[in-house]
Amino acid sequence: MTTLETVVINNNTETKATLIEKSRTVINDTAFFEVVLWHLPSSVPGSSHPFKYRLALVVDGVCVLRYDNERGKGDHRHIGNTEEPFEFTSLEALYEAFQADMERMLR
C-alpha cells in the first residue's frame, strides 16, 4: 500500500490529509472494485471518525454497491438504487461488510 500526503481545501483553510489507499482490483472480465481511503485531521460532517472513504463495486460499467461517507450524510451504503445508513465502527469492519455484500452480489 502506498501512502501519499496531499493538501485538502476545506472552508478556505488548508489541512493535511493522508491518502491511505487508492486501489482498483479486477474481479473478472466484467467486474472490479475500488477502494479510496483518506485519514483526515478531523471528521467529515455527519461522521464521527477521521476517515473519508469510498468503496465501490462496478459490474458491467455500473456501480452496483458503494460504501461512502459523503459530507453531511455521514456513513452510508448504496445497494443498487437504495441508500441506507451504515454504522462505522472500524476500518476493518467497514471492509468486512463491503466484502460480504460484494460476495453476495457476485454469486
PDB file of N, CA and C in Angstrom:
ATOM      1  N   MET A   1       0.850  -1.170   0.000  1.00  0.00           N
ATOM      2  CA  MET A   1       0.000   0.000   0.000  1.00  0.00           C
ATOM      3  C   MET A   1       0.897   1.235   0.000  1.00  0.00           C
ATOM      4  N   THR A   2       0.569   2.189  -0.826  1.00  0.00           N
ATOM      5  CA  THR A   2       1.340   3.418  -0.926  1.00  0.00           C
ATOM      6  C   THR A   2       0.648   4.508  -0.131  1.00  0.00           C
ATOM      7  N   THR A   3       1.413   5.231   0.669  1.00  0.00           N
ATOM      8  CA  THR A   3       0.860   6.342   1.427  1.00  0.00           C
ATOM      9  C   THR A   3       1.361   7.630   0.817  1.00  0.00           C
ATOM     10  N   LEU A   4       0.438   8.506   0.489  1.00  0.00           N
ATOM     11  CA  LEU A   4       0.769   9.790  -0.101  1.00  0.00           C
ATOM     12  C   LEU A   4       0.231  10.886   0.796  1.00  0.00           C
ATOM     13  N   GLU A   5       0.883  12.033   0.793  1.00  0.00           N
ATOM     14  CA  GLU A   5       0.371  13.161   1.539  1.00  0.00           C
ATOM     15  C   GLU A   5      -0.070  14.215   0.557  1.00  0.00           C
ATOM     16  N   THR A   6      -1.177  14.845   0.838  1.00  0.00           N
ATOM     17  CA  THR A   6      -1.700  15.865  -0.045  1.00  0.00           C
ATOM     18  C   THR A   6      -2.352  16.951   0.788  1.00  0.00           C
ATOM     19  N   VAL A   7      -2.800  17.983   0.146  1.00  0.00           N
ATOM     20  CA  VAL A   7      -3.488  19.071   0.837  1.00  0.00           C
ATOM     21  C   VAL A   7      -4.936  19.085   0.392  1.00  0.00           C
ATOM     22  N   VAL A   8      -5.845  19.128   1.353  1.00  0.00           N
ATOM     23  CA  VAL A   8      -7.270  19.195   1.080  1.00  0.00           C
ATOM     24  C   VAL A   8      -7.744  20.581   1.497  1.00  0.00           C
ATOM     25  N   ILE A   9      -8.502  21.230   0.631  1.00  0.00           N
ATOM     26  CA  ILE A   9      -9.026  22.561   0.938  1.00  0.00           C
ATOM     27  C   ILE A   9     -10.434  22.398   1.516  1.00  0.00           C
ATOM     28  N   ASN A  10     -10.633  22.836   2.749  1.00  0.00           N
ATOM     29  CA  ASN A  10     -11.927  22.778   3.424  1.00  0.00           C
ATOM     30  C   ASN A  10     -12.232  24.145   3.994  1.00  0.00           C
ATOM     31  N   ASN A  11     -13.330  24.730   3.586  1.00  0.00           N
ATOM     32  CA  ASN A  11     -13.746  26.023   4.120  1.00  0.00           C
ATOM     33  C   ASN A  11     -12.621  27.062   4.048  1.00  0.00           C
ATOM     34  N   ASN A  12     -11.905  27.077   2.929  1.00  0.00           N
ATOM     35  CA  ASN A  12     -10.842  28.038   2.680  1.00  0.00           C
ATOM     36  C   ASN A  12      -9.653  27.911   3.630  1.00  0.00           C
ATOM     37  N   THR A  13      -9.496  26.783   4.310  1.00  0.00           N
ATOM     38  CA  THR A  13      -8.319  26.554   5.137  1.00  0.00           C
ATOM     39  C   THR A  13      -7.607  25.320   4.607  1.00  0.00           C
ATOM     40  N   GLU A  14      -6.293  25.324   4.672  1.00  0.00           N
ATOM     41  CA  GLU A  14      -5.522  24.179   4.203  1.00  0.00           C
ATOM     42  C   GLU A  14      -5.246  23.240   5.369  1.00  0.00           C
ATOM     43  N   THR A  15      -5.536  21.974   5.182  1.00  0.00           N
ATOM     44  CA  THR A  15      -5.245  20.968   6.184  1.00  0.00           C
ATOM     45  C   THR A  15      -4.623  19.773   5.486  1.00  0.00           C
ATOM     46  N   LYS A  16      -3.751  19.089   6.190  1.00  0.00           N
ATOM     47  CA  LYS A  16      -3.115  17.925   5.588  1.00  0.00           C
ATOM     48  C   LYS A  16      -3.978  16.696   5.777  1.00  0.00           C
ATOM     49  N   ALA A  17      -4.167  15.988   4.707  1.00  0.00           N
ATOM     50  CA  ALA A  17      -4.871  14.714   4.711  1.00  0.00           C
ATOM     51  C   ALA A  17      -3.913  13.687   4.143  1.00  0.00           C
ATOM     52  N   THR A  18      -3.992  12.471   4.650  1.00  0.00           N
ATOM     53  CA  THR A  18      -3.107  11.411   4.184  1.00  0.00           C
ATOM     54  C   THR A  18      -3.914  10.366   3.425  1.00  0.00           C
ATOM     55  N   LEU A  19      -3.514  10.133   2.190  1.00  0.00           N
ATOM     56  CA  LEU A  19      -4.132   9.072   1.404  1.00  0.00           C
ATOM     57  C   LEU A  19      -3.591   7.748   1.905  1.00  0.00           C
ATOM     58  N   ILE A  20      -4.466   6.908   2.428  1.00  0.00           N
ATOM     59  CA  ILE A  20      -4.067   5.604   2.955  1.00  0.00           C
ATOM     60  C   ILE A  20      -4.068   4.562   1.847  1.00  0.00           C
ATOM     61  N   GLU A  21      -5.112   4.594   1.024  1.00  0.00           N
ATOM     62  CA  GLU A  21      -5.193   3.611  -0.064  1.00  0.00           C
ATOM     63  C   GLU A  21      -6.020   4.154  -1.213  1.00  0.00           C
ATOM     64  N   LYS A  22      -5.561   3.870  -2.403  1.00  0.00           N
ATOM     65  CA  LYS A  22      -6.325   4.111  -3.628  1.00  0.00           C
ATOM     66  C   LYS A  22      -5.989   2.955  -4.541  1.00  0.00           C
ATOM     67  N   SER A  23      -6.950   2.042  -4.713  1.00  0.00           N
ATOM     68  CA  SER A  23      -6.663   0.838  -5.487  1.00  0.00           C
ATOM     69  C   SER A  23      -7.879   0.402  -6.285  1.00  0.00           C
ATOM     70  N   ARG A  24      -7.596  -0.351  -7.333  1.00  0.00           N
ATOM     71  CA  ARG A  24      -8.644  -0.973  -8.154  1.00  0.00           C
ATOM     72  C   ARG A  24      -8.249  -2.433  -8.296  1.00  0.00           C
ATOM     73  N   THR A  25      -9.192  -3.320  -7.995  1.00  0.00           N
ATOM     74  CA  THR A  25      -8.955  -4.754  -8.087  1.00  0.00           C
ATOM     75  C   THR A  25      -9.920  -5.354  -9.096  1.00  0.00           C
ATOM     76  N   VAL A  26      -9.392  -5.985 -10.115  1.00  0.00           N
ATOM     77  CA  VAL A  26     -10.213  -6.635 -11.138  1.00  0.00           C
ATOM     78  C   VAL A  26     -10.650  -7.991 -10.587  1.00  0.00           C
ATOM     79  N   ILE A  27     -11.955  -8.232 -10.637  1.00  0.00           N
ATOM     80  CA  ILE A  27     -12.525  -9.495 -10.166  1.00  0.00           C
ATOM     81  C   ILE A  27     -12.623 -10.476 -11.322  1.00  0.00           C
ATOM     82  N   ASN A  28     -13.154  -9.998 -12.444  1.00  0.00           N
ATOM     83  CA  ASN A  28     -13.255 -10.809 -13.660  1.00  0.00           C
ATOM     84  C   ASN A  28     -13.397  -9.860 -14.853  1.00  0.00           C
ATOM     85  N   ASP A  29     -13.774 -10.383 -16.007  1.00  0.00           N
ATOM     86  CA  ASP A  29     -13.866  -9.552 -17.219  1.00  0.00           C
ATOM     87  C   ASP A  29     -14.925  -8.457 -17.131  1.00  0.00           C
ATOM     88  N   THR A  30     -15.884  -8.596 -16.229  1.00  0.00           N
ATOM     89  CA  THR A  30     -16.982  -7.626 -16.171  1.00  0.00           C
ATOM     90  C   THR A  30     -17.081  -6.867 -14.851  1.00  0.00           C
ATOM     91  N   ALA A  31     -16.237  -7.193 -13.881  1.00  0.00           N
ATOM     92  CA  ALA A  31     -16.383  -6.579 -12.553  1.00  0.00           C
ATOM     93  C   ALA A  31     -15.037  -6.193 -11.933  1.00  0.00           C
ATOM     94  N   PHE A  32     -15.070  -5.100 -11.178  1.00  0.00           N
ATOM     95  CA  PHE A  32     -13.912  -4.670 -10.388  1.00  0.00           C
ATOM     96  C   PHE A  32     -14.414  -3.904  -9.173  1.00  0.00           C
ATOM     97  N   PHE A  33     -13.519  -3.749  -8.172  1.00  0.00           N
ATOM     98  CA  PHE A  33     -13.882  -2.882  -7.059  1.00  0.00           C
ATOM     99  C   PHE A  33     -12.746  -1.909  -6.802  1.00  0.00           C
ATOM    100  N   GLU A  34     -13.145  -0.735  -6.292  1.00  0.00           N
ATOM    101  CA  GLU A  34     -12.190   0.316  -5.966  1.00  0.00           C
ATOM    102  C   GLU A  34     -12.302   0.672  -4.494  1.00  0.00           C
ATOM    103  N   VAL A  35     -11.161   1.011  -3.920  1.00  0.00           N
ATOM    104  CA  VAL A  35     -11.097   1.476  -2.544  1.00  0.00           C
ATOM    105  C   VAL A  35     -10.316   2.777  -2.532  1.00  0.00           C
ATOM    106  N   VAL A  36     -10.911   3.821  -1.957  1.00  0.00           N
ATOM    107  CA  VAL A  36     -10.223   5.097  -1.747  1.00  0.00           C
ATOM    108  C   VAL A  36     -10.433   5.448  -0.283  1.00  0.00           C
ATOM    109  N   LEU A  37      -9.332   5.640   0.435  1.00  0.00           N
ATOM    110  CA  LEU A  37      -9.398   5.874   1.877  1.00  0.00           C
ATOM    111  C   LEU A  37      -8.404   6.949   2.282  1.00  0.00           C
ATOM    112  N   TRP A  38      -8.924   7.979   2.941  1.00  0.00           N
ATOM    113  CA  TRP A  38      -8.113   9.096   3.432  1.00  0.00           C
ATOM    114  C   TRP A  38      -8.191   9.155   4.952  1.00  0.00           C
ATOM    115  N   HIS A  39      -7.103   9.567   5.584  1.00  0.00           N
ATOM    116  CA  HIS A  39      -7.128   9.914   7.007  1.00  0.00           C
ATOM    117  C   HIS A  39      -7.085  11.432   7.076  1.00  0.00           C
ATOM    118  N   LEU A  40      -8.084  12.026   7.726  1.00  0.00           N
ATOM    119  CA  LEU A  40      -8.220  13.480   7.809  1.00  0.00           C
ATOM    120  C   LEU A  40      -7.867  13.969   9.215  1.00  0.00           C
ATOM    121  N   PRO A  41      -7.516  15.241   9.351  1.00  0.00           N
ATOM    122  CA  PRO A  41      -7.233  15.788  10.675  1.00  0.00           C
ATOM    123  C   PRO A  41      -8.489  15.872  11.557  1.00  0.00           C
ATOM    124  N   SER A  42      -9.672  15.905  10.937  1.00  0.00           N
ATOM    125  CA  SER A  42     -10.923  15.903  11.696  1.00  0.00           C
ATOM    126  C   SER A  42     -11.986  15.187  10.867  1.00  0.00           C
ATOM    127  N   SER A  43     -13.073  14.830  11.525  1.00  0.00           N
ATOM    128  CA  SER A  43     -14.094  14.033  10.839  1.00  0.00           C
ATOM    129  C   SER A  43     -14.855  14.839   9.791  1.00  0.00           C
ATOM    130  N   VAL A  44     -15.389  14.123   8.820  1.00  0.00           N
ATOM    131  CA  VAL A  44     -16.268  14.690   7.803  1.00  0.00           C
ATOM    132  C   VAL A  44     -17.607  14.971   8.495  1.00  0.00           C
ATOM    133  N   PRO A  45     -18.237  16.127   8.277  1.00  0.00           N
ATOM    134  CA  PRO A  45     -19.539  16.386   8.896  1.00  0.00           C
ATOM    135  C   PRO A  45     -20.519  15.239   8.635  1.00  0.00           C
ATOM    136  N   GLY A  46     -21.103  14.723   9.723  1.00  0.00           N
ATOM    137  CA  GLY A  46     -22.015  13.592   9.633  1.00  0.00           C
ATOM    138  C   GLY A  46     -21.378  12.284  10.070  1.00  0.00           C
ATOM    139  N   SER A  47     -20.044  12.258  10.170  1.00  0.00           N
ATOM    140  CA  SER A  47     -19.312  11.072  10.631  1.00  0.00           C
ATOM    141  C   SER A  47     -18.596  11.402  11.938  1.00  0.00           C
ATOM    142  N   SER A  48     -18.267  10.369  12.702  1.00  0.00           N
ATOM    143  CA  SER A  48     -17.617  10.588  13.995  1.00  0.00           C
ATOM    144  C   SER A  48     -16.195  10.047  14.040  1.00  0.00           C
ATOM    145  N   HIS A  49     -15.579   9.850  12.893  1.00  0.00           N
ATOM    146  CA  HIS A  49     -14.229   9.291  12.809  1.00  0.00           C
ATOM    147  C   HIS A  49     -13.419  10.117  11.810  1.00  0.00           C
ATOM    148  N   PRO A  50     -12.089   9.993  11.820  1.00  0.00           N
ATOM    149  CA  PRO A  50     -11.248  10.842  10.958  1.00  0.00           C
ATOM    150  C   PRO A  50     -10.965  10.277   9.572  1.00  0.00           C
ATOM    151  N   PHE A  51     -11.884   9.479   9.018  1.00  0.00           N
ATOM    152  CA  PHE A  51     -11.654   8.875   7.713  1.00  0.00           C
ATOM    153  C   PHE A  51     -12.673   9.365   6.687  1.00  0.00           C
ATOM    154  N   LYS A  52     -12.215   9.509   5.472  1.00  0.00           N
ATOM    155  CA  LYS A  52     -13.071   9.770   4.309  1.00  0.00           C
ATOM    156  C   LYS A  52     -12.851   8.579   3.393  1.00  0.00           C
ATOM    157  N   TYR A  53     -13.930   7.929   2.966  1.00  0.00           N
ATOM    158  CA  TYR A  53     -13.753   6.697   2.204  1.00  0.00           C
ATOM    159  C   TYR A  53     -14.805   6.529   1.122  1.00  0.00           C
ATOM    160  N   ARG A  54     -14.430   5.687   0.153  1.00  0.00           N
ATOM    161  CA  ARG A  54     -15.350   5.232  -0.888  1.00  0.00           C
ATOM    162  C   ARG A  54     -14.907   3.825  -1.286  1.00  0.00           C
ATOM    163  N   LEU A  55     -15.786   2.867  -1.145  1.00  0.00           N
ATOM    164  CA  LEU A  55     -15.547   1.504  -1.603  1.00  0.00           C
ATOM    165  C   LEU A  55     -16.664   1.209  -2.593  1.00  0.00           C
ATOM    166  N   ALA A  56     -16.311   0.840  -3.802  1.00  0.00           N
ATOM    167  CA  ALA A  56     -17.324   0.676  -4.848  1.00  0.00           C
ATOM    168  C   ALA A  56     -17.099  -0.601  -5.647  1.00  0.00           C
ATOM    169  N   LEU A  57     -18.199  -1.284  -5.930  1.00  0.00           N
ATOM    170  CA  LEU A  57     -18.198  -2.452  -6.806  1.00  0.00           C
ATOM    171  C   LEU A  57     -18.875  -2.049  -8.104  1.00  0.00           C
ATOM    172  N   VAL A  58     -18.179  -2.271  -9.215  1.00  0.00           N
ATOM    173  CA  VAL A  58     -18.697  -1.919 -10.537  1.00  0.00           C
ATOM    174  C   VAL A  58     -18.814  -3.199 -11.363  1.00  0.00           C
ATOM    175  N   VAL A  59     -20.020  -3.433 -11.912  1.00  0.00           N
ATOM    176  CA  VAL A  59     -20.282  -4.617 -12.734  1.00  0.00           C
ATOM    177  C   VAL A  59     -20.880  -4.138 -14.055  1.00  0.00           C
ATOM    178  N   ASP A  60     -20.292  -4.566 -15.140  1.00  0.00           N
ATOM    179  CA  ASP A  60     -20.746  -4.163 -16.479  1.00  0.00           C
ATOM    180  C   ASP A  60     -20.845  -2.640 -16.604  1.00  0.00           C
ATOM    181  N   GLY A  61     -19.893  -1.945 -16.007  1.00  0.00           N
ATOM    182  CA  GLY A  61     -19.836  -0.492 -16.110  1.00  0.00           C
ATOM    183  C   GLY A  61     -20.792   0.265 -15.203  1.00  0.00           C
ATOM    184  N   VAL A  62     -21.516  -0.446 -14.325  1.00  0.00           N
ATOM    185  CA  VAL A  62     -22.496   0.187 -13.429  1.00  0.00           C
ATOM    186  C   VAL A  62     -22.064  -0.039 -11.980  1.00  0.00           C
ATOM    187  N   CYS A  63     -22.062   1.034 -11.187  1.00  0.00           N
ATOM    188  CA  CYS A  63     -21.766   0.909  -9.763  1.00  0.00           C
ATOM    189  C   CYS A  63     -22.985   0.289  -9.085  1.00  0.00           C
ATOM    190  N   VAL A  64     -22.834  -0.944  -8.605  1.00  0.00           N
ATOM    191  CA  VAL A  64     -23.951  -1.664  -8.001  1.00  0.00           C
ATOM    192  C   VAL A  64     -23.896  -1.669  -6.478  1.00  0.00           C
ATOM    193  N   LEU A  65     -22.736  -1.295  -5.923  1.00  0.00           N
ATOM    194  CA  LEU A  65     -22.552  -1.266  -4.473  1.00  0.00           C
ATOM    195  C   LEU A  65     -21.530  -0.193  -4.148  1.00  0.00           C
ATOM    196  N   ARG A  66     -21.862   0.666  -3.174  1.00  0.00           N
ATOM    197  CA  ARG A  66     -20.890   1.687  -2.757  1.00  0.00           C
ATOM    198  C   ARG A  66     -21.090   2.010  -1.288  1.00  0.00           C
ATOM    199  N   TYR A  67     -19.994   2.012  -0.557  1.00  0.00           N
ATOM    200  CA  TYR A  67     -19.967   2.490   0.820  1.00  0.00           C
ATOM    201  C   TYR A  67     -19.196   3.797   0.787  1.00  0.00           C
ATOM    202  N   ASP A  68     -19.755   4.845   1.413  1.00  0.00           N
ATOM    203  CA  ASP A  68     -19.031   6.111   1.477  1.00  0.00           C
ATOM    204  C   ASP A  68     -19.566   6.953   2.626  1.00  0.00           C
ATOM    205  N   ASN A  69     -18.889   8.061   2.869  1.00  0.00           N
ATOM    206  CA  ASN A  69     -19.348   8.996   3.897  1.00  0.00           C
ATOM    207  C   ASN A  69     -19.307  10.405   3.335  1.00  0.00           C
ATOM    208  N   GLU A  70     -20.276  10.654   2.516  1.00  0.00           N
ATOM    209  CA  GLU A  70     -20.438  11.947   1.867  1.00  0.00           C
ATOM    210  C   GLU A  70     -20.673  13.028   2.928  1.00  0.00           C
ATOM    211  N   ARG A  71     -20.087  14.179   2.699  1.00  0.00           N
ATOM    212  CA  ARG A  71     -20.208  15.318   3.610  1.00  0.00           C
ATOM    213  C   ARG A  71     -21.677  15.600   3.908  1.00  0.00           C
ATOM    214  N   GLY A  72     -22.014  15.641   5.202  1.00  0.00           N
ATOM    215  CA  GLY A  72     -23.376  15.938   5.627  1.00  0.00           C
ATOM    216  C   GLY A  72     -24.289  14.728   5.718  1.00  0.00           C
ATOM    217  N   LYS A  73     -23.970  13.660   4.986  1.00  0.00           N
ATOM    218  CA  LYS A  73     -24.799  12.454   5.023  1.00  0.00           C
ATOM    219  C   LYS A  73     -24.269  11.436   6.019  1.00  0.00           C
ATOM    220  N   GLY A  74     -22.999  11.505   6.319  1.00  0.00           N
ATOM    221  CA  GLY A  74     -22.400  10.518   7.215  1.00  0.00           C
ATOM    222  C   GLY A  74     -22.176   9.192   6.518  1.00  0.00           C
ATOM    223  N   ASP A  75     -21.953   8.179   7.312  1.00  0.00           N
ATOM    224  CA  ASP A  75     -21.639   6.843   6.801  1.00  0.00           C
ATOM    225  C   ASP A  75     -22.898   6.176   6.262  1.00  0.00           C
ATOM    226  N   HIS A  76     -22.810   5.676   5.024  1.00  0.00           N
ATOM    227  CA  HIS A  76     -23.957   5.009   4.418  1.00  0.00           C
ATOM    228  C   HIS A  76     -23.486   4.104   3.278  1.00  0.00           C
ATOM    229  N   ARG A  77     -24.411   3.312   2.790  1.00  0.00           N
ATOM    230  CA  ARG A  77     -24.107   2.453   1.645  1.00  0.00           C
ATOM    231  C   ARG A  77     -25.222   2.545   0.625  1.00  0.00           C
ATOM    232  N   HIS A  78     -24.842   2.307  -0.615  1.00  0.00           N
ATOM    233  CA  HIS A  78     -25.769   2.266  -1.735  1.00  0.00           C
ATOM    234  C   HIS A  78     -25.759   0.837  -2.265  1.00  0.00           C
ATOM    235  N   ILE A  79     -26.906   0.225  -2.327  1.00  0.00           N
ATOM    236  CA  ILE A  79     -27.039  -1.091  -2.956  1.00  0.00           C
ATOM    237  C   ILE A  79     -28.051  -0.901  -4.073  1.00  0.00           C
ATOM    238  N   GLY A  80     -27.555  -0.930  -5.307  1.00  0.00           N
ATOM    239  CA  GLY A  80     -28.418  -0.592  -6.428  1.00  0.00           C
ATOM    240  C   GLY A  80     -28.880   0.846  -6.267  1.00  0.00           C
ATOM    241  N   ASN A  81     -30.189   1.073  -6.301  1.00  0.00           N
ATOM    242  CA  ASN A  81     -30.753   2.419  -6.143  1.00  0.00           C
ATOM    243  C   ASN A  81     -31.142   2.742  -4.710  1.00  0.00           C
ATOM    244  N   THR A  82     -30.857   1.835  -3.778  1.00  0.00           N
ATOM    245  CA  THR A  82     -31.227   2.030  -2.380  1.00  0.00           C
ATOM    246  C   THR A  82     -30.048   2.582  -1.592  1.00  0.00           C
ATOM    247  N   GLU A  83     -30.310   3.600  -0.770  1.00  0.00           N
ATOM    248  CA  GLU A  83     -29.293   4.163   0.121  1.00  0.00           C
ATOM    249  C   GLU A  83     -29.755   3.965   1.557  1.00  0.00           C
ATOM    250  N   GLU A  84     -28.840   3.478   2.406  1.00  0.00           N
ATOM    251  CA  GLU A  84     -29.190   3.266   3.809  1.00  0.00           C
ATOM    252  C   GLU A  84     -28.007   3.578   4.699  1.00  0.00           C
ATOM    253  N   PRO A  85     -28.266   3.967   5.957  1.00  0.00           N
ATOM    254  CA  PRO A  85     -27.170   4.278   6.880  1.00  0.00           C
ATOM    255  C   PRO A  85     -26.301   3.047   7.139  1.00  0.00           C
ATOM    256  N   PHE A  86     -25.044   3.302   7.451  1.00  0.00           N
ATOM    257  CA  PHE A  86     -24.107   2.248   7.815  1.00  0.00           C
ATOM    258  C   PHE A  86     -23.412   2.699   9.085  1.00  0.00           C
ATOM    259  N   GLU A  87     -23.363   1.837  10.092  1.00  0.00           N
ATOM    260  CA  GLU A  87     -22.698   2.193  11.342  1.00  0.00           C
ATOM    261  C   GLU A  87     -21.208   1.867  11.247  1.00  0.00           C
ATOM    262  N   PHE A  88     -20.391   2.900  11.180  1.00  0.00           N
ATOM    263  CA  PHE A  88     -18.940   2.735  11.106  1.00  0.00           C
ATOM    264  C   PHE A  88     -18.409   2.463  12.504  1.00  0.00           C
ATOM    265  N   THR A  89     -17.693   1.336  12.663  1.00  0.00           N
ATOM    266  CA  THR A  89     -17.055   1.030  13.949  1.00  0.00           C
ATOM    267  C   THR A  89     -15.545   0.971  13.818  1.00  0.00           C
ATOM    268  N   SER A  90     -15.065   0.517  12.655  1.00  0.00           N
ATOM    269  CA  SER A  90     -13.620   0.450  12.403  1.00  0.00           C
ATOM    270  C   SER A  90     -13.397   0.256  10.901  1.00  0.00           C
ATOM    271  N   LEU A  91     -12.174   0.513  10.460  1.00  0.00           N
ATOM    272  CA  LEU A  91     -11.850   0.284   9.051  1.00  0.00           C
ATOM    273  C   LEU A  91     -11.985  -1.191   8.698  1.00  0.00           C
ATOM    274  N   GLU A  92     -11.588  -2.053   9.619  1.00  0.00           N
ATOM    275  CA  GLU A  92     -11.679  -3.492   9.382  1.00  0.00           C
ATOM    276  C   GLU A  92     -13.134  -3.923   9.199  1.00  0.00           C
ATOM    277  N   ALA A  93     -14.020  -3.429  10.063  1.00  0.00           N
ATOM    278  CA  ALA A  93     -15.441  -3.778   9.966  1.00  0.00           C
ATOM    279  C   ALA A  93     -16.059  -3.221   8.682  1.00  0.00           C
ATOM    280  N   LEU A  94     -15.640  -2.020   8.288  1.00  0.00           N
ATOM    281  CA  LEU A  94     -16.109  -1.426   7.033  1.00  0.00           C
ATOM    282  C   LEU A  94     -15.754  -2.334   5.861  1.00  0.00           C
ATOM    283  N   TYR A  95     -14.494  -2.733   5.786  1.00  0.00           N
ATOM    284  CA  TYR A  95     -14.047  -3.566   4.678  1.00  0.00           C
ATOM    285  C   TYR A  95     -14.737  -4.935   4.702  1.00  0.00           C
ATOM    286  N   GLU A  96     -14.895  -5.511   5.899  1.00  0.00           N
ATOM    287  CA  GLU A  96     -15.564  -6.817   6.004  1.00  0.00           C
ATOM    288  C   GLU A  96     -17.018  -6.748   5.538  1.00  0.00           C
ATOM    289  N   ALA A  97     -17.725  -5.674   5.908  1.00  0.00           N
ATOM    290  CA  ALA A  97     -19.124  -5.510   5.478  1.00  0.00           C
ATOM    291  C   ALA A  97     -19.198  -5.350   3.959  1.00  0.00           C
ATOM    292  N   PHE A  98     -18.294  -4.540   3.407  1.00  0.00           N
ATOM    293  CA  PHE A  98     -18.256  -4.348   1.958  1.00  0.00           C
ATOM    294  C   PHE A  98     -17.960  -5.676   1.257  1.00  0.00           C
ATOM    295  N   GLN A  99     -16.976  -6.395   1.765  1.00  0.00           N
ATOM    296  CA  GLN A  99     -16.594  -7.692   1.181  1.00  0.00           C
ATOM    297  C   GLN A  99     -17.764  -8.669   1.209  1.00  0.00           C
ATOM    298  N   ALA A 100     -18.485  -8.738   2.334  1.00  0.00           N
ATOM    299  CA  ALA A 100     -19.625  -9.658   2.450  1.00  0.00           C
ATOM    300  C   ALA A 100     -20.731  -9.283   1.459  1.00  0.00           C
ATOM    301  N   ASP A 101     -21.027  -7.986   1.334  1.00  0.00           N
ATOM    302  CA  ASP A 101     -22.040  -7.549   0.362  1.00  0.00           C
ATOM    303  C   ASP A 101     -21.598  -7.855  -1.061  1.00  0.00           C
ATOM    304  N   MET A 102     -20.322  -7.629  -1.341  1.00  0.00           N
ATOM    305  CA  MET A 102     -19.792  -7.921  -2.678  1.00  0.00           C
ATOM    306  C   MET A 102     -19.952  -9.387  -3.023  1.00  0.00           C
ATOM    307  N   GLU A 103     -19.570 -10.250  -2.087  1.00  0.00           N
ATOM    308  CA  GLU A 103     -19.668 -11.691  -2.329  1.00  0.00           C
ATOM    309  C   GLU A 103     -21.112 -12.116  -2.579  1.00  0.00           C
ATOM    310  N   ARG A 104     -22.056 -11.555  -1.816  1.00  0.00           N
ATOM    311  CA  ARG A 104     -23.475 -11.894  -2.027  1.00  0.00           C
ATOM    312  C   ARG A 104     -23.935 -11.442  -3.406  1.00  0.00           C
ATOM    313  N   MET A 105     -23.501 -10.273  -3.817  1.00  0.00           N
ATOM    314  CA  MET A 105     -23.957  -9.718  -5.115  1.00  0.00           C
ATOM    315  C   MET A 105     -23.333 -10.447  -6.305  1.00  0.00           C
ATOM    316  N   LEU A 106     -22.175 -11.013  -6.133  1.00  0.00           N
ATOM    317  CA  LEU A 106     -21.471 -11.644  -7.246  1.00  0.00           C
ATOM    318  C   LEU A 106     -21.805 -13.127  -7.391  1.00  0.00           C
ATOM    319  N   ARG A 107     -22.598 -13.676  -6.505  1.00  0.00           N
ATOM    320  CA  ARG A 107     -22.986 -15.099  -6.619  1.00  0.00           C
ATOM    321  C   ARG A 107     -23.870 -15.325  -7.810  1.00  0.00           C
TER     322      ARG A 107
END
